[in-house]
Each structure stands twice: as structure tokens, then as C-alpha cells.
Protein backbone atom coordinates (compact mmCIF):
# COMPACT_ATOMS: atom_id res chain seq x y z
CA MET A 1 -8.02 -16.20 24.87
CA GLY A 2 -10.74 -17.55 22.61
CA LEU A 3 -13.16 -14.70 23.33
CA VAL A 4 -10.38 -12.14 22.94
CA LEU A 5 -9.44 -13.53 19.53
CA ALA A 6 -13.09 -13.59 18.48
CA GLY A 7 -13.44 -9.91 19.40
CA LEU A 8 -10.22 -8.98 17.64
CA MET A 9 -11.14 -10.89 14.50
CA LEU A 10 -14.53 -9.17 14.39
CA ALA A 11 -12.84 -5.79 14.77
CA MET A 12 -10.44 -6.59 11.94
CA LEU A 13 -13.35 -7.85 9.85
CA LEU A 14 -15.08 -4.49 10.22
CA GLY A 15 -12.04 -2.62 8.95
CA ALA A 16 -11.23 -5.06 6.15
CA LEU A 17 -14.83 -5.47 4.99
CA ASP A 18 -15.34 -1.74 4.68
CA GLN A 19 -12.49 -1.45 2.17
CA THR A 20 -13.79 -4.22 -0.08
CA ILE A 21 -17.56 -3.86 0.15
CA MET A 22 -17.44 -0.25 -1.04
CA ALA A 23 -15.39 -0.91 -4.18
CA PRO A 24 -18.28 -2.08 -6.42
CA ALA A 25 -20.59 0.51 -4.83
CA LEU A 26 -18.63 3.64 -5.77
CA PRO A 27 -20.29 4.29 -9.16
CA ALA A 28 -23.76 3.81 -7.67
CA VAL A 29 -23.05 6.11 -4.72
CA ALA A 30 -21.70 8.79 -7.05
CA GLY A 31 -24.74 8.47 -9.30
CA SER A 32 -27.20 8.61 -6.41
CA LEU A 33 -25.73 11.57 -4.55
CA ALA A 34 -23.95 13.56 -7.26
CA GLY A 35 -26.04 12.91 -10.37
CA PRO A 36 -24.60 13.19 -13.90
CA GLY A 37 -20.90 13.97 -13.86
CA GLY A 38 -20.38 12.35 -10.49
CA LEU A 39 -17.78 9.79 -11.53
CA ASP A 40 -15.01 12.29 -10.98
CA GLN A 41 -15.95 12.47 -7.28
CA MET A 42 -15.20 8.78 -6.65
CA PRO A 43 -11.56 9.50 -5.70
CA ALA A 44 -12.74 11.94 -3.02
CA VAL A 45 -14.95 9.24 -1.45
CA VAL A 46 -12.09 6.77 -1.29
CA THR A 47 -9.39 9.19 -0.20
CA ALA A 48 -11.58 10.71 2.54
CA TYR A 49 -11.68 7.34 4.31
CA LEU A 50 -8.06 6.43 3.62
CA VAL A 51 -6.65 9.81 4.63
CA ALA A 52 -8.63 9.87 7.88
CA ALA A 53 -7.60 6.31 8.72
CA THR A 54 -3.97 7.05 7.87
CA VAL A 55 -3.74 10.26 9.89
CA VAL A 56 -5.00 8.65 13.11
CA MET A 57 -2.93 5.45 12.96
CA PRO A 58 0.19 6.79 14.71
CA VAL A 59 -2.07 8.49 17.26
CA TYR A 60 -3.86 5.24 18.09
CA GLY A 61 -0.54 3.42 18.32
CA LYS A 62 0.99 5.95 20.69
CA LEU A 63 -2.18 6.37 22.78
CA GLY A 64 -2.37 2.58 23.07
CA ASP A 65 1.20 2.53 24.42
CA ARG A 66 0.30 5.37 26.79
CA PHE A 67 -3.25 4.62 28.01
CA GLY A 68 -3.81 0.98 27.09
CA ARG A 69 -4.85 -0.81 23.92
CA LYS A 70 -8.21 -1.99 25.23
CA LEU A 71 -9.53 1.56 25.68
CA MET A 72 -8.38 2.60 22.23
CA MET A 73 -10.02 -0.45 20.64
CA GLN A 74 -13.31 0.47 22.31
CA VAL A 75 -13.06 4.06 21.07
CA ALA A 76 -12.28 2.91 17.53
CA ILE A 77 -15.29 0.58 17.39
CA VAL A 78 -17.68 3.30 18.58
CA VAL A 79 -16.38 5.88 16.10
CA PHE A 80 -16.43 3.42 13.20
CA VAL A 81 -20.02 2.32 13.81
CA ALA A 82 -21.18 5.92 14.31
CA GLY A 83 -19.59 6.89 10.99
CA ALA A 84 -21.30 3.98 9.23
CA VAL A 85 -24.72 5.03 10.54
CA LEU A 86 -24.12 8.59 9.34
CA CYS A 87 -23.05 7.33 5.90
CA SER A 88 -26.34 5.48 5.52
CA LEU A 89 -28.20 8.75 6.14
CA ALA A 90 -26.14 10.99 3.83
CA ALA A 91 -28.23 13.16 1.50
CA THR A 92 -25.46 14.80 -0.53
CA MET A 93 -22.04 13.86 -1.81
CA PRO A 94 -20.20 16.33 0.51
CA GLN A 95 -22.03 14.83 3.51
CA PHE A 96 -21.13 11.32 2.44
CA ILE A 97 -17.46 12.25 2.03
CA VAL A 98 -17.36 13.80 5.53
CA PHE A 99 -19.10 10.79 7.07
CA ARG A 100 -16.68 8.42 5.33
CA ALA A 101 -13.84 10.40 6.90
CA ILE A 102 -15.44 9.91 10.34
CA GLN A 103 -15.72 6.21 9.66
CA GLY A 104 -12.05 6.22 8.61
CA VAL A 105 -11.06 7.67 11.99
CA GLY A 106 -12.54 4.55 13.57
CA GLY A 107 -11.26 2.19 10.89
CA GLY A 108 -7.65 3.27 11.37
CA GLY A 109 -7.88 2.43 15.05
CA LEU A 110 -9.44 -0.99 14.39
CA MET A 111 -6.59 -2.17 12.16
CA ILE A 112 -3.83 -0.84 14.42
CA GLY A 113 -5.42 -1.90 17.70
CA ALA A 114 -6.17 -5.48 16.73
CA GLN A 115 -2.67 -6.15 15.41
CA ALA A 116 -1.02 -4.47 18.39
CA VAL A 117 -3.07 -6.52 20.86
CA ILE A 118 -2.12 -9.73 19.07
CA GLY A 119 1.50 -8.53 19.12
CA GLU A 120 1.28 -8.12 22.90
CA LEU A 121 -0.42 -11.45 23.62
CA VAL A 122 1.41 -13.75 21.18
CA SER A 123 5.17 -14.22 20.69
CA PRO A 124 6.65 -13.36 17.26
CA ARG A 125 7.55 -17.02 16.67
CA GLU A 126 3.96 -18.17 17.30
CA ARG A 127 2.43 -15.14 15.63
CA GLY A 128 2.96 -16.63 12.21
CA ARG A 129 0.27 -19.18 13.03
CA TYR A 130 -2.13 -16.37 13.87
CA LEU A 131 -1.54 -14.78 10.49
CA GLY A 132 -3.92 -17.47 9.25
CA LEU A 133 -6.69 -16.12 11.49
CA ILE A 134 -5.99 -12.61 10.30
CA GLY A 135 -6.00 -13.89 6.74
CA ALA A 136 -9.34 -15.60 7.36
CA MET A 137 -10.89 -12.24 8.19
CA TYR A 138 -9.46 -10.77 5.03
CA ILE A 139 -10.86 -13.61 2.92
CA VAL A 140 -14.31 -13.19 4.46
CA ALA A 141 -14.02 -9.51 3.60
CA ALA A 142 -12.50 -10.26 0.20
CA VAL A 143 -15.12 -12.79 -0.86
CA GLY A 144 -18.10 -11.47 1.05
CA GLY A 145 -17.43 -7.74 0.68
CA PRO A 146 -17.57 -7.32 -3.10
CA LEU A 147 -20.36 -9.90 -3.42
CA VAL A 148 -22.52 -8.33 -0.70
CA GLY A 149 -21.79 -4.85 -2.00
CA GLY A 150 -22.65 -5.87 -5.54
CA PHE A 151 -25.81 -7.65 -4.38
CA PHE A 152 -27.02 -4.58 -2.50
CA ILE A 153 -26.32 -2.36 -5.51
CA ASP A 154 -28.16 -4.68 -7.87
CA SER A 155 -31.13 -5.17 -5.50
CA VAL A 156 -31.99 -2.97 -2.51
CA GLY A 157 -29.49 -0.10 -2.88
CA TRP A 158 -26.13 1.01 -1.54
CA ARG A 159 -27.41 2.43 1.78
CA TRP A 160 -28.06 -1.10 3.06
CA ILE A 161 -24.33 -1.76 2.96
CA PHE A 162 -23.94 0.21 6.18
CA ALA A 163 -26.64 -1.73 8.02
CA ILE A 164 -24.28 -4.67 8.64
CA TYR A 165 -21.77 -2.68 10.73
CA PRO A 166 -23.73 -1.85 13.94
CA PRO A 167 -24.47 -5.48 14.98
CA LEU A 168 -20.90 -6.60 14.23
CA GLY A 169 -19.49 -3.59 16.06
CA VAL A 170 -21.64 -4.11 19.14
CA LEU A 171 -20.64 -7.78 19.33
CA ALA A 172 -16.92 -6.97 19.01
CA PHE A 173 -17.24 -4.25 21.69
CA VAL A 174 -18.97 -6.60 24.14
CA LEU A 175 -16.48 -9.45 23.61
CA LEU A 176 -13.40 -7.25 24.07
CA THR A 177 -14.86 -5.39 27.04
CA ALA A 178 -15.65 -8.63 28.84
CA SER A 179 -12.55 -10.69 28.03
CA LEU A 180 -9.50 -8.57 27.15
CA ARG A 181 -7.02 -8.22 30.03
CA LEU A 182 -3.64 -6.56 29.38
CA PRO A 183 -0.85 -5.27 31.66
CA ARG A 184 -1.21 -1.61 32.61
CA PRO A 185 0.97 0.73 30.54
CA VAL A 186 3.98 2.10 32.41
CA SER A 187 4.75 5.10 30.17
CA ARG A 188 3.67 8.51 31.45
CA ALA A 189 5.37 10.65 28.81
CA PRO A 190 3.20 13.41 27.28
CA VAL A 191 1.56 12.57 23.96
CA ASP A 192 3.21 14.24 20.96
CA TYR A 193 0.16 16.00 19.55
CA ALA A 194 2.33 18.40 17.53
CA GLY A 195 3.86 15.42 15.77
CA ALA A 196 0.40 14.03 15.02
CA VAL A 197 -0.75 17.34 13.48
CA THR A 198 2.36 17.79 11.36
CA LEU A 199 2.14 14.21 10.09
CA ALA A 200 -1.50 14.85 9.20
CA VAL A 201 -0.48 17.90 7.15
CA ALA A 202 2.13 15.84 5.31
CA VAL A 203 -0.38 13.07 4.52
CA LEU A 204 -2.97 15.54 3.23
CA GLY A 205 -0.35 17.16 1.03
CA VAL A 206 0.66 13.81 -0.48
CA VAL A 207 -2.92 12.81 -1.25
CA MET A 208 -3.98 16.17 -2.68
CA LEU A 209 -0.85 16.28 -4.83
CA GLY A 210 -1.70 12.91 -6.31
CA GLN A 211 -5.38 13.71 -6.76
CA SER A 212 -5.11 17.20 -8.24
CA GLY A 213 -1.64 17.27 -9.75
CA ASN A 214 -1.28 20.80 -8.35
CA PRO A 215 2.43 21.31 -7.53
CA SER A 216 1.54 23.70 -4.70
CA TYR A 217 0.63 20.65 -2.61
CA LEU A 218 4.24 19.56 -2.85
CA ALA A 219 5.08 22.57 -0.69
CA VAL A 220 2.39 21.53 1.80
CA THR A 221 3.86 18.03 1.97
CA ALA A 222 7.40 19.35 2.40
CA ALA A 223 6.29 21.76 5.13
CA GLY A 224 4.52 18.96 6.98
CA VAL A 225 7.53 16.65 6.78
CA VAL A 226 9.96 19.35 7.95
CA ALA A 227 7.67 20.32 10.84
CA TRP A 228 7.32 16.67 11.83
CA LEU A 229 11.10 16.18 11.80
CA VAL A 230 11.50 19.18 14.08
CA SER A 231 8.77 18.01 16.46
CA ALA A 232 10.20 14.48 16.50
CA ARG A 233 13.53 15.84 17.73
CA LEU A 234 12.00 18.07 20.37
CA ALA A 235 9.25 15.80 21.75
CA THR A 236 9.87 13.72 24.86
CA ASP A 237 8.08 10.75 23.30
CA PRO A 238 7.64 11.37 19.54
CA ILE A 239 4.51 10.07 17.81
CA LEU A 240 6.82 8.29 15.34
CA PRO A 241 10.37 8.13 16.78
CA LEU A 242 13.18 8.70 14.30
CA ARG A 243 15.44 6.34 16.26
CA LEU A 244 13.41 3.35 15.07
CA PHE A 245 14.33 4.09 11.45
CA ARG A 246 18.02 3.70 12.22
CA ASP A 247 17.42 -0.04 12.54
CA ARG A 248 17.27 -1.70 9.11
CA ALA A 249 15.10 -4.50 10.54
CA PHE A 250 12.42 -1.84 11.15
CA ALA A 251 13.06 0.62 8.29
CA VAL A 252 12.95 -1.96 5.49
CA PRO A 253 9.50 -3.43 6.40
CA VAL A 254 8.11 0.09 6.68
CA ALA A 255 9.44 1.05 3.24
CA ILE A 256 8.16 -2.15 1.63
CA SER A 257 4.72 -1.58 3.16
CA LEU A 258 4.62 1.92 1.67
CA LEU A 259 5.32 0.62 -1.83
CA VAL A 260 2.93 -2.33 -1.58
CA GLY A 261 0.14 -0.08 -0.30
CA PHE A 262 0.59 2.33 -3.20
CA ALA A 263 0.52 -0.37 -5.86
CA LEU A 264 -2.15 -2.65 -4.34
CA PHE A 265 -4.79 -0.11 -3.33
CA GLY A 266 -4.22 1.97 -6.43
CA THR A 267 -5.19 -1.13 -8.41
CA ILE A 268 -7.90 -2.85 -6.37
CA THR A 269 -9.92 0.29 -5.60
CA TYR A 270 -10.64 1.08 -9.23
CA MET A 271 -10.66 -2.42 -10.70
CA PRO A 272 -14.45 -2.90 -10.12
CA ALA A 273 -15.19 0.47 -11.76
CA TYR A 274 -12.99 -0.52 -14.70
CA LEU A 275 -14.78 -3.84 -15.07
CA GLN A 276 -18.19 -2.15 -15.00
CA ILE A 277 -17.41 0.82 -17.23
CA ALA A 278 -14.97 -0.66 -19.75
CA LEU A 279 -16.26 -4.24 -19.93
CA GLY A 280 -19.94 -3.75 -19.09
CA ALA A 281 -19.88 -6.15 -16.12
CA GLY A 282 -22.56 -5.91 -13.42
CA ALA A 283 -21.64 -4.83 -9.91
CA THR A 284 -21.89 -8.38 -8.57
CA GLN A 285 -19.77 -9.82 -11.39
CA ALA A 286 -17.16 -7.09 -10.94
CA GLY A 287 -16.98 -7.80 -7.23
CA LEU A 288 -16.61 -11.51 -7.88
CA LEU A 289 -13.62 -10.95 -10.19
CA VAL A 290 -11.84 -8.88 -7.55
CA THR A 291 -12.17 -11.76 -5.07
CA ALA A 292 -9.58 -13.61 -7.17
CA LEU A 293 -6.95 -11.14 -5.96
CA MET A 294 -7.99 -11.33 -2.33
CA GLY A 295 -8.32 -15.11 -2.50
CA GLY A 296 -4.67 -15.21 -3.52
CA VAL A 297 -3.81 -12.97 -0.57
CA LEU A 298 -5.53 -15.38 1.82
CA ALA A 299 -3.90 -18.52 0.42
CA THR A 300 -0.32 -17.31 0.75
CA THR A 301 -0.95 -15.47 4.04
CA VAL A 302 -2.14 -18.69 5.69
CA VAL A 303 0.56 -20.91 4.19
CA SER A 304 3.44 -18.51 4.87
CA GLY A 305 2.22 -17.90 8.43
CA ARG A 306 2.21 -21.58 9.28
CA LEU A 307 5.63 -22.10 7.70
CA ILE A 308 7.07 -19.15 9.63
CA THR A 309 5.85 -20.64 12.92
CA ARG A 310 7.29 -24.02 11.98
CA THR A 311 10.71 -22.83 10.78
CA GLY A 312 11.22 -19.43 12.42
CA ARG A 313 12.33 -17.98 9.08
CA TYR A 314 10.54 -15.23 7.21
CA LYS A 315 12.89 -13.37 4.83
CA GLY A 316 12.22 -15.49 1.74
CA TYR A 317 8.50 -14.76 1.66
CA PRO A 318 8.63 -11.00 0.96
CA ILE A 319 11.33 -11.59 -1.65
CA ALA A 320 9.15 -14.07 -3.54
CA GLY A 321 5.99 -12.06 -2.91
CA THR A 322 7.21 -8.74 -4.27
CA ALA A 323 8.59 -10.45 -7.38
CA LEU A 324 5.31 -12.29 -8.01
CA ALA A 325 3.11 -9.22 -7.47
CA ALA A 326 5.30 -7.08 -9.74
CA ALA A 327 5.04 -9.67 -12.50
CA GLY A 328 1.26 -9.78 -12.13
CA LEU A 329 0.84 -6.01 -12.39
CA ALA A 330 3.13 -5.87 -15.41
CA ALA A 331 0.99 -8.54 -17.09
CA LEU A 332 -2.32 -6.68 -16.69
CA PRO A 333 -2.23 -5.03 -20.15
CA LEU A 334 -1.63 -8.47 -21.67
CA ALA A 335 -4.78 -9.94 -20.13
CA GLY A 336 -7.02 -8.18 -22.63
CA HIS A 337 -10.72 -7.87 -21.83
CA GLY A 338 -11.45 -11.49 -20.98
CA ALA A 339 -12.81 -12.14 -17.49
CA ALA A 340 -10.87 -15.39 -17.07
CA ALA A 341 -7.54 -13.82 -18.03
CA LEU A 342 -8.10 -10.85 -15.74
CA ALA A 343 -9.04 -13.14 -12.86
CA GLY A 344 -5.85 -15.13 -13.41
CA VAL A 345 -3.66 -12.03 -13.33
CA LEU A 346 -5.42 -10.73 -10.23
CA LEU A 347 -4.87 -14.10 -8.54
CA VAL A 348 -1.12 -13.87 -9.24
CA ILE A 349 -0.99 -10.37 -7.76
CA GLY A 350 -2.85 -11.56 -4.68
CA LEU A 351 -0.57 -14.56 -4.19
CA GLY A 352 2.39 -12.20 -4.16
CA VAL A 353 0.86 -9.64 -1.82
CA GLY A 354 -0.14 -12.35 0.67
CA LEU A 355 3.52 -13.22 1.11
CA VAL A 356 4.41 -9.66 2.05
CA MET A 357 1.84 -7.59 3.96
CA GLN A 358 1.46 -9.38 7.31
CA VAL A 359 5.06 -10.59 7.29
CA MET A 360 6.18 -6.96 7.31
CA VAL A 361 4.12 -6.30 10.45
CA LEU A 362 5.65 -9.38 12.08
CA ALA A 363 9.22 -8.33 11.16
CA ALA A 364 8.73 -4.79 12.50
CA GLN A 365 7.15 -5.97 15.77
CA ASN A 366 10.01 -8.44 16.25
CA SER A 367 12.57 -5.63 15.92
CA VAL A 368 11.37 -3.38 18.78
CA ASP A 369 10.97 -3.47 22.56
CA TYR A 370 7.63 -3.60 24.34
CA ALA A 371 7.45 0.17 24.87
CA ASP A 372 7.45 0.69 21.10
CA LEU A 373 5.10 -2.16 20.13
CA GLY A 374 2.11 0.04 19.31
CA THR A 375 4.31 2.60 17.59
CA ALA A 376 5.99 -0.04 15.43
CA THR A 377 2.67 -1.64 14.49
CA SER A 378 1.15 1.69 13.58
CA ALA A 379 4.23 2.76 11.63
CA VAL A 380 4.06 -0.20 9.25
CA THR A 381 0.34 0.18 8.65
CA PHE A 382 0.61 3.99 8.61
CA LEU A 383 3.18 4.00 5.81
CA ARG A 384 1.18 1.38 3.94
CA GLN A 385 -1.89 3.58 4.18
CA ILE A 386 0.08 6.63 3.06
CA GLY A 387 1.03 4.61 0.02
CA ALA A 388 -2.59 3.52 -0.38
CA SER A 389 -3.90 7.07 -0.10
CA ALA A 390 -1.38 8.41 -2.58
CA GLY A 391 -1.89 5.45 -4.91
CA VAL A 392 -5.69 5.75 -4.90
CA ALA A 393 -5.48 9.50 -5.48
CA LEU A 394 -2.95 9.27 -8.31
CA VAL A 395 -4.53 6.30 -10.08
CA GLY A 396 -7.95 7.91 -9.71
CA ALA A 397 -6.70 11.16 -11.23
CA LEU A 398 -5.12 9.29 -14.15
CA ILE A 399 -8.25 7.22 -14.77
CA THR A 400 -10.83 10.00 -14.55
CA ALA A 401 -8.72 12.05 -16.96
CA GLN A 402 -9.38 9.36 -19.60
CA VAL A 403 -13.19 9.55 -19.61
CA PRO A 404 -15.85 12.27 -19.51
CA GLY A 405 -17.33 12.62 -16.00
CA THR A 406 -20.40 10.48 -15.46
CA ALA A 407 -21.77 8.53 -12.54
CA ASP A 408 -23.72 5.61 -13.96
CA PRO A 409 -21.61 2.92 -15.67
CA SER A 410 -24.61 1.86 -17.79
CA HIS A 411 -24.81 5.34 -19.35
CA VAL A 412 -21.15 5.93 -20.16
CA PRO A 413 -20.79 6.79 -23.88
CA ALA A 414 -19.27 4.12 -26.10
CA ALA A 415 -16.25 6.29 -26.84
CA ALA A 416 -15.59 6.71 -23.14
CA ARG A 417 -15.87 2.96 -22.58
CA ALA A 418 -13.30 2.39 -25.30
CA ALA A 419 -10.98 4.96 -23.73
CA PHE A 420 -11.33 3.23 -20.35
CA ALA A 421 -10.65 -0.19 -21.84
CA ASP A 422 -7.50 1.04 -23.59
CA ALA A 423 -6.03 3.33 -20.95
CA VAL A 424 -6.73 1.81 -17.55
CA PRO A 425 -4.71 -1.44 -17.79
CA SER A 426 -1.58 0.54 -18.64
CA VAL A 427 -2.22 2.79 -15.62
CA PHE A 428 -2.40 -0.30 -13.41
CA ALA A 429 0.75 -1.75 -14.99
CA ALA A 430 2.63 1.45 -14.17
CA MET A 431 2.55 0.30 -10.54
CA ALA A 432 4.84 -2.67 -11.31
CA PRO A 433 8.17 -0.78 -11.00
CA LEU A 434 7.23 0.19 -7.44
CA LEU A 435 7.00 -3.48 -6.52
CA GLY A 436 10.30 -4.04 -8.32
CA LEU A 437 11.83 -1.55 -5.90
CA ALA A 438 10.13 -3.37 -3.02
CA PHE A 439 11.79 -6.59 -4.25
CA LEU A 440 15.23 -4.96 -3.97
CA LEU A 441 14.42 -3.77 -0.46
CA ALA A 442 13.27 -7.27 0.52
CA LEU A 443 16.70 -8.58 -0.45
CA ALA A 444 18.19 -6.17 2.11
CA LEU A 445 15.83 -7.20 4.95
CA PRO A 446 17.78 -8.54 7.97
CA ALA A 447 16.78 -12.08 8.95
CA ARG A 448 16.66 -11.88 12.74
CA PRO A 449 15.56 -14.79 14.97
CA LEU A 450 11.93 -14.52 16.03
CA ARG A 451 11.41 -14.09 19.79
CA THR A 452 9.69 -17.00 21.49
CA THR A 453 8.04 -15.04 24.34
CA ALA A 454 5.18 -12.57 24.10
CA HIS A 455 5.54 -8.98 25.32
CA ALA A 456 2.93 -9.62 28.02
CA GLU A 457 4.95 -12.61 29.26
CA GLU A 458 8.18 -10.58 29.26
CA ARG A 459 6.56 -7.89 31.39
CA ALA A 460 5.16 -10.48 33.79
């Protein structure tokens, strides 16, 4: 079990690190590959990864239920590392965006696969204790990612960021190949590829609508959703079964994850750019400030996980967490331009988010049977990533509309810096009502007893 956990933690570290290490690097990448006026291409870099990761999540979940989670973890690691190598060789901004999408295809599988494997090996009651291990990977990514990314930007250059992924990926692949043993899947139903394609169309429509503001993408989104609903009713084994959403114990965690993803990623992705452009902070300093948020996430993830294992109760944590995170986002405009005040507000947001994100995965996994474990895991993370993709796209569009396009934070005109400093905090604060809605949903979350046996034990 120790080697399996080590491999899973490394796999999760790869996925988590990639989302934090790139945040302080975005302005430098845009300046290097796009030249003057490249700042407005930052949303495309971020959304390319998020959209790709989001689209493949239900596919990985269903394929894991169908063909086995070990195989899908191996595929995800290989694709992720290959995408990272390609990113380091990109010569133009379009190439980099495409390569980030390839890396996202692997990253989506890493996050889904690791959590689904833990869900199969560890009972829901004991899983709270393992939330601390998951949280440890996030804190390594949270603290190390922005600092390492900022260090590379300030010293040897952004391409070196991608040099750390191949050795970590190879080690995770070897550990999981040698040690992971799971029961053979029993399902032989055909994979719902039509459902996967229609969901992908819906996700692309949502992201492009947020990024461009073009109302024609609303029609694309609607068409994708309608086509998915039709395919879900006709498929023998739908990629995302509608029957699961009839259970409030499953539907509420999924909805909360969507809202938290929108608000959190819409804020954290552009916070380093705001600190560099509006406040004149260096890349390393900007990355360090963002670690306050992720440090808060770690603290409450570990504490809540241990308390859940001890007491078997989990409903109170998302209620408190959504309220705390909403208050933190609403307070962002009041923090002014002081680094200490901003760090304090980000810490409050992180403390709230840490009480919510992994608990929602636990609640959803606890509500379904073994046959739907991968699907349930992917659904929670899938909807969270849809929220993240839409949030990043919308916040990015709102922010870039406030400042003339430029790539290098050190060369942004003074007037543009002032516009950033005045406008961006209010854009971040606009996310607070979404977490207020998540708070109301948390009040409606059923508090079911946590199972005390793992899915693998039940099958045995």
C-alpha cells in the first residue's frame, strides 16, 4: 500500500503542480512567444489546458470503470509528460497553446485516476484521513509551484519549468506499474463516445462564451447540452448517467464543486499577473503571495479530513467553508494594495476552500455503488473544472478589457497599471455571490453515514 500511495501522490503532484507553477510564468511566456501585445493571449494558454483536462475527465472515469484504473493512470502519465516536453520546445504561441492542451489531456486523467484509485482502496470513513496526504501534495504544489515558477522566470527562463515533469512522471509510472493491484472490472457495456463528444462541445461553448462574450457560443453550448441529454438517454452506459443526479447526496456536491471551481480558479489564475502588473511585484514575490491561499487550503483540508475520520460527520465543513471563502472574496477590494493585507485575504479564502473541495469528492463517492465510482469521481472534478474553465475565461476577458494588450509586466504603461489596480479587485469580488449560492446548497447537503468498507473489500 505504501508504494501505491507514493505513486498516486506523485501523480497528483504532477497535476497540482502544473496548475500553480504556471501562474507566475504566464506574462513571461506571452512576452517570449507573442511579443508586444501578447498579454491578451494569456487566457488562451490557461483555458487550453483547463478545457482539455475538463473534456477528458468523464472519459477517464468511464474508461477506468470499464478497462481498469491502473491502465488509465499509466496512459495519463505518458500523455502528460509528452505534453510537457513539447511545451518546452514550443517556438510560437499557437504551438504552446496546442501543447498545453495535450498536457491537459494527461492532467485530467491524473487527477481523476488518483482519486478514483484511493476511492477503491480506502473506505469512505477512513478516506478522510487520506485527505491529509492529498492536501500535502497540494501544499507542495502550492508552496513550491509559484516559488519555482517565479525563480525560473527571474533566472534561467520559463522553459526550464517543464524539465521537472519527466523524472517525476517516470517515477510515478514505475511505482504504480510495479505495485498497484486492483480487482478486474466486470462491466462490458460499450463506452458512450457520443456522450463524450457532446459534452466536449458543451464545455467548449461555455469557455468560448466566457472568453469572447460572443452570444453565438451560447447556441453551441445549448446544442451540446441537448445532444448530451439525448445521448445519455439512449446509451447503454452513459458517460455521465442522469440517474445519479436524482440523488441529492450526489447532485449537491457536484453543484457546489462547479461554483467553487468558477470562483477559485477565476481568482487564483490571474492573481499573480495582477500583483506583477498593478503592484509591480516580481514573479517570485507574486508567487509567494499566492501561497497564502493554498496554505490555507492545506491547513483546513488536513484538519477536516482527520476530524471526518474520527467523527464520521462531514456536512458542517462545506457549510463553514463556503461562508468563509465568500467572505474572503468579498473583502478583496478592501485589502487595498498592501501585500500583507492581500495575503491575509487570500489566506481566508484558502481556509474556506480547504473545507469544501475534497469533502465534496468524499460525499459523492460515498453516495454511489462500486460500478459508478469512477463516474462519480470524475463528475465532481469535471463540473469543478467546467466552473474553472468558465471562470478563468470570463475573469480573463474582464481583466484584459481593462488594460491595453502587452506582454511584459515591467513595460505596462502607468495608466494601464492604475486601471489594473482599480478594476481587478472588484472583478475578483464579483465571484463572492457564487460562493454564497454554494453556501445555500451546502445547507441542503444530506448527511449520510460514511461506509466503513472499501469498494475493493466489498467486491472481495
